[in-house]
Amino acid sequence: TVSAAPNLSASHLIHVHSPSWNAATQDACIGELDQAILNILNLADQQGFTSIALPSISSG
């Protein structure tokens, strides 16, 4: 989802569900993380954003 960010230097926030990391299923986790990032980029494009910043995702 996208929400306004009135108290930040950004105009909007994109909320993402980050996958849980599991070393035993590392390949699947990487695929889920890749898909989450693609979803963010696609949503940013759909919203017409001209710049985005991605913090660390699923880093613990």
PDB file of N, CA and C in Angstrom:
ATOM      1  N   THR A   1       0.836  -1.187   0.000  1.00  0.00           N
ATOM      2  CA  THR A   1       0.000   0.000   0.000  1.00  0.00           C
ATOM      3  C   THR A   1       0.878   1.247   0.000  1.00  0.00           C
ATOM      4  N   VAL A   2       0.269   2.334  -0.399  1.00  0.00           N
ATOM      5  CA  VAL A   2       0.954   3.623  -0.428  1.00  0.00           C
ATOM      6  C   VAL A   2       0.241   4.552   0.538  1.00  0.00           C
ATOM      7  N   SER A   3       1.000   5.290   1.327  1.00  0.00           N
ATOM      8  CA  SER A   3       0.404   6.273   2.229  1.00  0.00           C
ATOM      9  C   SER A   3       1.213   7.558   2.180  1.00  0.00           C
ATOM     10  N   ALA A   4       0.581   8.633   2.597  1.00  0.00           N
ATOM     11  CA  ALA A   4       1.269   9.922   2.684  1.00  0.00           C
ATOM     12  C   ALA A   4       2.300   9.861   3.807  1.00  0.00           C
ATOM     13  N   ALA A   5       3.298  10.719   3.706  1.00  0.00           N
ATOM     14  CA  ALA A   5       4.355  10.780   4.720  1.00  0.00           C
ATOM     15  C   ALA A   5       4.514  12.228   5.175  1.00  0.00           C
ATOM     16  N   PRO A   6       3.522  12.761   5.893  1.00  0.00           N
ATOM     17  CA  PRO A   6       3.517  14.192   6.198  1.00  0.00           C
ATOM     18  C   PRO A   6       4.655  14.673   7.094  1.00  0.00           C
ATOM     19  N   ASN A   7       5.227  13.815   7.910  1.00  0.00           N
ATOM     20  CA  ASN A   7       6.277  14.249   8.838  1.00  0.00           C
ATOM     21  C   ASN A   7       7.673  13.788   8.421  1.00  0.00           C
ATOM     22  N   LEU A   8       7.815  13.385   7.165  1.00  0.00           N
ATOM     23  CA  LEU A   8       9.103  12.925   6.650  1.00  0.00           C
ATOM     24  C   LEU A   8       9.501  13.773   5.454  1.00  0.00           C
ATOM     25  N   SER A   9      10.743  13.668   5.049  1.00  0.00           N
ATOM     26  CA  SER A   9      11.169  14.409   3.863  1.00  0.00           C
ATOM     27  C   SER A   9      10.634  13.766   2.588  1.00  0.00           C
ATOM     28  N   ALA A  10      10.154  12.538   2.668  1.00  0.00           N
ATOM     29  CA  ALA A  10       9.521  11.870   1.529  1.00  0.00           C
ATOM     30  C   ALA A  10       8.057  12.282   1.451  1.00  0.00           C
ATOM     31  N   SER A  11       7.491  12.217   0.260  1.00  0.00           N
ATOM     32  CA  SER A  11       6.077  12.562   0.116  1.00  0.00           C
ATOM     33  C   SER A  11       5.168  11.365   0.361  1.00  0.00           C
ATOM     34  N   HIS A  12       5.673  10.157   0.117  1.00  0.00           N
ATOM     35  CA  HIS A  12       4.869   8.948   0.274  1.00  0.00           C
ATOM     36  C   HIS A  12       5.716   7.813   0.846  1.00  0.00           C
ATOM     37  N   LEU A  13       5.018   6.835   1.418  1.00  0.00           N
ATOM     38  CA  LEU A  13       5.644   5.596   1.875  1.00  0.00           C
ATOM     39  C   LEU A  13       4.980   4.434   1.158  1.00  0.00           C
ATOM     40  N   ILE A  14       5.766   3.471   0.732  1.00  0.00           N
ATOM     41  CA  ILE A  14       5.236   2.220   0.206  1.00  0.00           C
ATOM     42  C   ILE A  14       5.489   1.167   1.275  1.00  0.00           C
ATOM     43  N   HIS A  15       4.418   0.546   1.739  1.00  0.00           N
ATOM     44  CA  HIS A  15       4.532  -0.477   2.774  1.00  0.00           C
ATOM     45  C   HIS A  15       4.687  -1.833   2.101  1.00  0.00           C
ATOM     46  N   VAL A  16       5.594  -2.642   2.606  1.00  0.00           N
ATOM     47  CA  VAL A  16       5.857  -3.949   2.008  1.00  0.00           C
ATOM     48  C   VAL A  16       5.925  -5.010   3.100  1.00  0.00           C
ATOM     49  N   HIS A  17       5.355  -6.165   2.798  1.00  0.00           N
ATOM     50  CA  HIS A  17       5.505  -7.316   3.691  1.00  0.00           C
ATOM     51  C   HIS A  17       6.812  -7.991   3.316  1.00  0.00           C
ATOM     52  N   SER A  18       7.746  -8.000   4.235  1.00  0.00           N
ATOM     53  CA  SER A  18       9.041  -8.610   3.937  1.00  0.00           C
ATOM     54  C   SER A  18       9.005 -10.093   4.291  1.00  0.00           C
ATOM     55  N   PRO A  19       9.582 -10.913   3.425  1.00  0.00           N
ATOM     56  CA  PRO A  19       9.594 -12.345   3.713  1.00  0.00           C
ATOM     57  C   PRO A  19      10.484 -12.664   4.906  1.00  0.00           C
ATOM     58  N   SER A  20      10.121 -13.711   5.623  1.00  0.00           N
ATOM     59  CA  SER A  20      10.949 -14.183   6.737  1.00  0.00           C
ATOM     60  C   SER A  20      12.105 -14.993   6.179  1.00  0.00           C
ATOM     61  N   TRP A  21      13.303 -14.705   6.658  1.00  0.00           N
ATOM     62  CA  TRP A  21      14.496 -15.385   6.149  1.00  0.00           C
ATOM     63  C   TRP A  21      14.687 -16.714   6.853  1.00  0.00           C
ATOM     64  N   ASN A  22      14.992 -17.746   6.087  1.00  0.00           N
ATOM     65  CA  ASN A  22      15.258 -19.070   6.627  1.00  0.00           C
ATOM     66  C   ASN A  22      16.397 -19.668   5.810  1.00  0.00           C
ATOM     67  N   ALA A  23      17.516 -19.917   6.433  1.00  0.00           N
ATOM     68  CA  ALA A  23      18.689 -20.431   5.716  1.00  0.00           C
ATOM     69  C   ALA A  23      18.414 -21.775   5.051  1.00  0.00           C
ATOM     70  N   ALA A  24      17.510 -22.562   5.618  1.00  0.00           N
ATOM     71  CA  ALA A  24      17.202 -23.876   5.052  1.00  0.00           C
ATOM     72  C   ALA A  24      16.462 -23.768   3.722  1.00  0.00           C
ATOM     73  N   THR A  25      15.758 -22.658   3.530  1.00  0.00           N
ATOM     74  CA  THR A  25      15.013 -22.442   2.280  1.00  0.00           C
ATOM     75  C   THR A  25      15.487 -21.155   1.612  1.00  0.00           C
ATOM     76  N   GLN A  26      16.796 -20.976   1.593  1.00  0.00           N
ATOM     77  CA  GLN A  26      17.396 -19.729   1.115  1.00  0.00           C
ATOM     78  C   GLN A  26      16.956 -19.368  -0.305  1.00  0.00           C
ATOM     79  N   ASP A  27      16.907 -20.325  -1.220  1.00  0.00           N
ATOM     80  CA  ASP A  27      16.530 -20.021  -2.602  1.00  0.00           C
ATOM     81  C   ASP A  27      15.109 -19.474  -2.676  1.00  0.00           C
ATOM     82  N   ALA A  28      14.193 -20.082  -1.935  1.00  0.00           N
ATOM     83  CA  ALA A  28      12.811 -19.600  -1.924  1.00  0.00           C
ATOM     84  C   ALA A  28      12.737 -18.208  -1.302  1.00  0.00           C
ATOM     85  N   CYS A  29      13.501 -17.981  -0.250  1.00  0.00           N
ATOM     86  CA  CYS A  29      13.510 -16.670   0.406  1.00  0.00           C
ATOM     87  C   CYS A  29      14.031 -15.590  -0.534  1.00  0.00           C
ATOM     88  N   ILE A  30      15.069 -15.911  -1.284  1.00  0.00           N
ATOM     89  CA  ILE A  30      15.610 -14.944  -2.243  1.00  0.00           C
ATOM     90  C   ILE A  30      14.560 -14.626  -3.299  1.00  0.00           C
ATOM     91  N   GLY A  31      13.839 -15.643  -3.762  1.00  0.00           N
ATOM     92  CA  GLY A  31      12.770 -15.424  -4.736  1.00  0.00           C
ATOM     93  C   GLY A  31      11.675 -14.529  -4.188  1.00  0.00           C
ATOM     94  N   GLU A  32      11.283 -14.739  -2.928  1.00  0.00           N
ATOM     95  CA  GLU A  32      10.255 -13.909  -2.301  1.00  0.00           C
ATOM     96  C   GLU A  32      10.741 -12.478  -2.133  1.00  0.00           C
ATOM     97  N   LEU A  33      11.999 -12.309  -1.759  1.00  0.00           N
ATOM     98  CA  LEU A  33      12.559 -10.970  -1.602  1.00  0.00           C
ATOM     99  C   LEU A  33      12.643 -10.271  -2.957  1.00  0.00           C
ATOM    100  N   ASP A  34      13.077 -10.993  -3.987  1.00  0.00           N
ATOM    101  CA  ASP A  34      13.100 -10.433  -5.345  1.00  0.00           C
ATOM    102  C   ASP A  34      11.713  -9.955  -5.752  1.00  0.00           C
ATOM    103  N   GLN A  35      10.692 -10.787  -5.484  1.00  0.00           N
ATOM    104  CA  GLN A  35       9.326 -10.421  -5.866  1.00  0.00           C
ATOM    105  C   GLN A  35       8.839  -9.208  -5.082  1.00  0.00           C
ATOM    106  N   ALA A  36       9.176  -9.123  -3.802  1.00  0.00           N
ATOM    107  CA  ALA A  36       8.782  -7.966  -2.995  1.00  0.00           C
ATOM    108  C   ALA A  36       9.382  -6.685  -3.568  1.00  0.00           C
ATOM    109  N   ILE A  37      10.647  -6.742  -3.969  1.00  0.00           N
ATOM    110  CA  ILE A  37      11.301  -5.559  -4.539  1.00  0.00           C
ATOM    111  C   ILE A  37      10.679  -5.196  -5.881  1.00  0.00           C
ATOM    112  N   LEU A  38      10.390  -6.194  -6.718  1.00  0.00           N
ATOM    113  CA  LEU A  38       9.718  -5.920  -7.991  1.00  0.00           C
ATOM    114  C   LEU A  38       8.350  -5.291  -7.766  1.00  0.00           C
ATOM    115  N   ASN A  39       7.629  -5.766  -6.755  1.00  0.00           N
ATOM    116  CA  ASN A  39       6.323  -5.181  -6.435  1.00  0.00           C
ATOM    117  C   ASN A  39       6.461  -3.713  -6.049  1.00  0.00           C
ATOM    118  N   ILE A  40       7.486  -3.389  -5.263  1.00  0.00           N
ATOM    119  CA  ILE A  40       7.737  -1.999  -4.872  1.00  0.00           C
ATOM    120  C   ILE A  40       8.016  -1.149  -6.107  1.00  0.00           C
ATOM    121  N   LEU A  41       8.893  -1.628  -6.972  1.00  0.00           N
ATOM    122  CA  LEU A  41       9.252  -0.867  -8.169  1.00  0.00           C
ATOM    123  C   LEU A  41       8.050  -0.683  -9.093  1.00  0.00           C
ATOM    124  N   ASN A  42       7.240  -1.727  -9.264  1.00  0.00           N
ATOM    125  CA  ASN A  42       6.049  -1.616 -10.106  1.00  0.00           C
ATOM    126  C   ASN A  42       5.046  -0.633  -9.525  1.00  0.00           C
ATOM    127  N   LEU A  43       4.831  -0.680  -8.220  1.00  0.00           N
ATOM    128  CA  LEU A  43       3.896   0.242  -7.586  1.00  0.00           C
ATOM    129  C   LEU A  43       4.390   1.678  -7.686  1.00  0.00           C
ATOM    130  N   ALA A  44       5.673   1.885  -7.489  1.00  0.00           N
ATOM    131  CA  ALA A  44       6.243   3.227  -7.628  1.00  0.00           C
ATOM    132  C   ALA A  44       6.039   3.747  -9.047  1.00  0.00           C
ATOM    133  N   ASP A  45       6.216   2.886 -10.035  1.00  0.00           N
ATOM    134  CA  ASP A  45       5.998   3.270 -11.430  1.00  0.00           C
ATOM    135  C   ASP A  45       4.528   3.602 -11.680  1.00  0.00           C
ATOM    136  N   GLN A  46       3.623   2.776 -11.176  1.00  0.00           N
ATOM    137  CA  GLN A  46       2.186   3.014 -11.338  1.00  0.00           C
ATOM    138  C   GLN A  46       1.764   4.338 -10.707  1.00  0.00           C
ATOM    139  N   GLN A  47       2.401   4.706  -9.599  1.00  0.00           N
ATOM    140  CA  GLN A  47       2.069   5.946  -8.900  1.00  0.00           C
ATOM    141  C   GLN A  47       2.721   7.162  -9.555  1.00  0.00           C
ATOM    142  N   GLY A  48       3.620   6.929 -10.506  1.00  0.00           N
ATOM    143  CA  GLY A  48       4.298   8.025 -11.189  1.00  0.00           C
ATOM    144  C   GLY A  48       5.428   8.640 -10.392  1.00  0.00           C
ATOM    145  N   PHE A  49       5.950   7.905  -9.414  1.00  0.00           N
ATOM    146  CA  PHE A  49       7.060   8.428  -8.625  1.00  0.00           C
ATOM    147  C   PHE A  49       8.298   8.541  -9.513  1.00  0.00           C
ATOM    148  N   THR A  50       9.051   9.596  -9.338  1.00  0.00           N
ATOM    149  CA  THR A  50      10.257   9.794 -10.141  1.00  0.00           C
ATOM    150  C   THR A  50      11.526   9.425  -9.391  1.00  0.00           C
ATOM    151  N   SER A  51      11.433   9.212  -8.097  1.00  0.00           N
ATOM    152  CA  SER A  51      12.576   8.733  -7.323  1.00  0.00           C
ATOM    153  C   SER A  51      12.056   7.940  -6.131  1.00  0.00           C
ATOM    154  N   ILE A  52      12.846   6.965  -5.717  1.00  0.00           N
ATOM    155  CA  ILE A  52      12.505   6.167  -4.539  1.00  0.00           C
ATOM    156  C   ILE A  52      13.785   5.859  -3.769  1.00  0.00           C
ATOM    157  N   ALA A  53      13.624   5.559  -2.507  1.00  0.00           N
ATOM    158  CA  ALA A  53      14.730   5.091  -1.669  1.00  0.00           C
ATOM    159  C   ALA A  53      14.269   3.795  -1.023  1.00  0.00           C
ATOM    160  N   LEU A  54      15.108   2.783  -1.081  1.00  0.00           N
ATOM    161  CA  LEU A  54      14.773   1.500  -0.473  1.00  0.00           C
ATOM    162  C   LEU A  54      15.670   1.261   0.734  1.00  0.00           C
ATOM    163  N   PRO A  55      15.071   1.162   1.916  1.00  0.00           N
ATOM    164  CA  PRO A  55      15.876   0.800   3.087  1.00  0.00           C
ATOM    165  C   PRO A  55      16.175  -0.697   3.034  1.00  0.00           C
ATOM    166  N   SER A  56      16.924  -1.154   3.948  1.00  0.00           N
ATOM    167  CA  SER A  56      17.200  -2.578   4.057  1.00  0.00           C
ATOM    168  C   SER A  56      15.888  -3.317   4.313  1.00  0.00           C
ATOM    169  N   ILE A  57      15.660  -4.394   3.580  1.00  0.00           N
ATOM    170  CA  ILE A  57      14.419  -5.163   3.706  1.00  0.00           C
ATOM    171  C   ILE A  57      14.775  -6.561   4.203  1.00  0.00           C
ATOM    172  N   SER A  58      14.044  -7.044   5.196  1.00  0.00           N
ATOM    173  CA  SER A  58      14.257  -8.383   5.775  1.00  0.00           C
ATOM    174  C   SER A  58      15.662  -8.561   6.322  1.00  0.00           C
ATOM    175  N   SER A  59      16.189  -7.517   6.924  1.00  0.00           N
ATOM    176  CA  SER A  59      17.556  -7.600   7.442  1.00  0.00           C
ATOM    177  C   SER A  59      17.607  -7.986   8.920  1.00  0.00           C
ATOM    178  N   GLY A  60      16.462  -8.230   9.496  1.00  0.00           N
ATOM    179  CA  GLY A  60      16.454  -8.669  10.876  1.00  0.00           C
ATOM    180  C   GLY A  60      16.090  -7.577  11.775  1.00  0.00           C
TER     181      GLY A  60
END
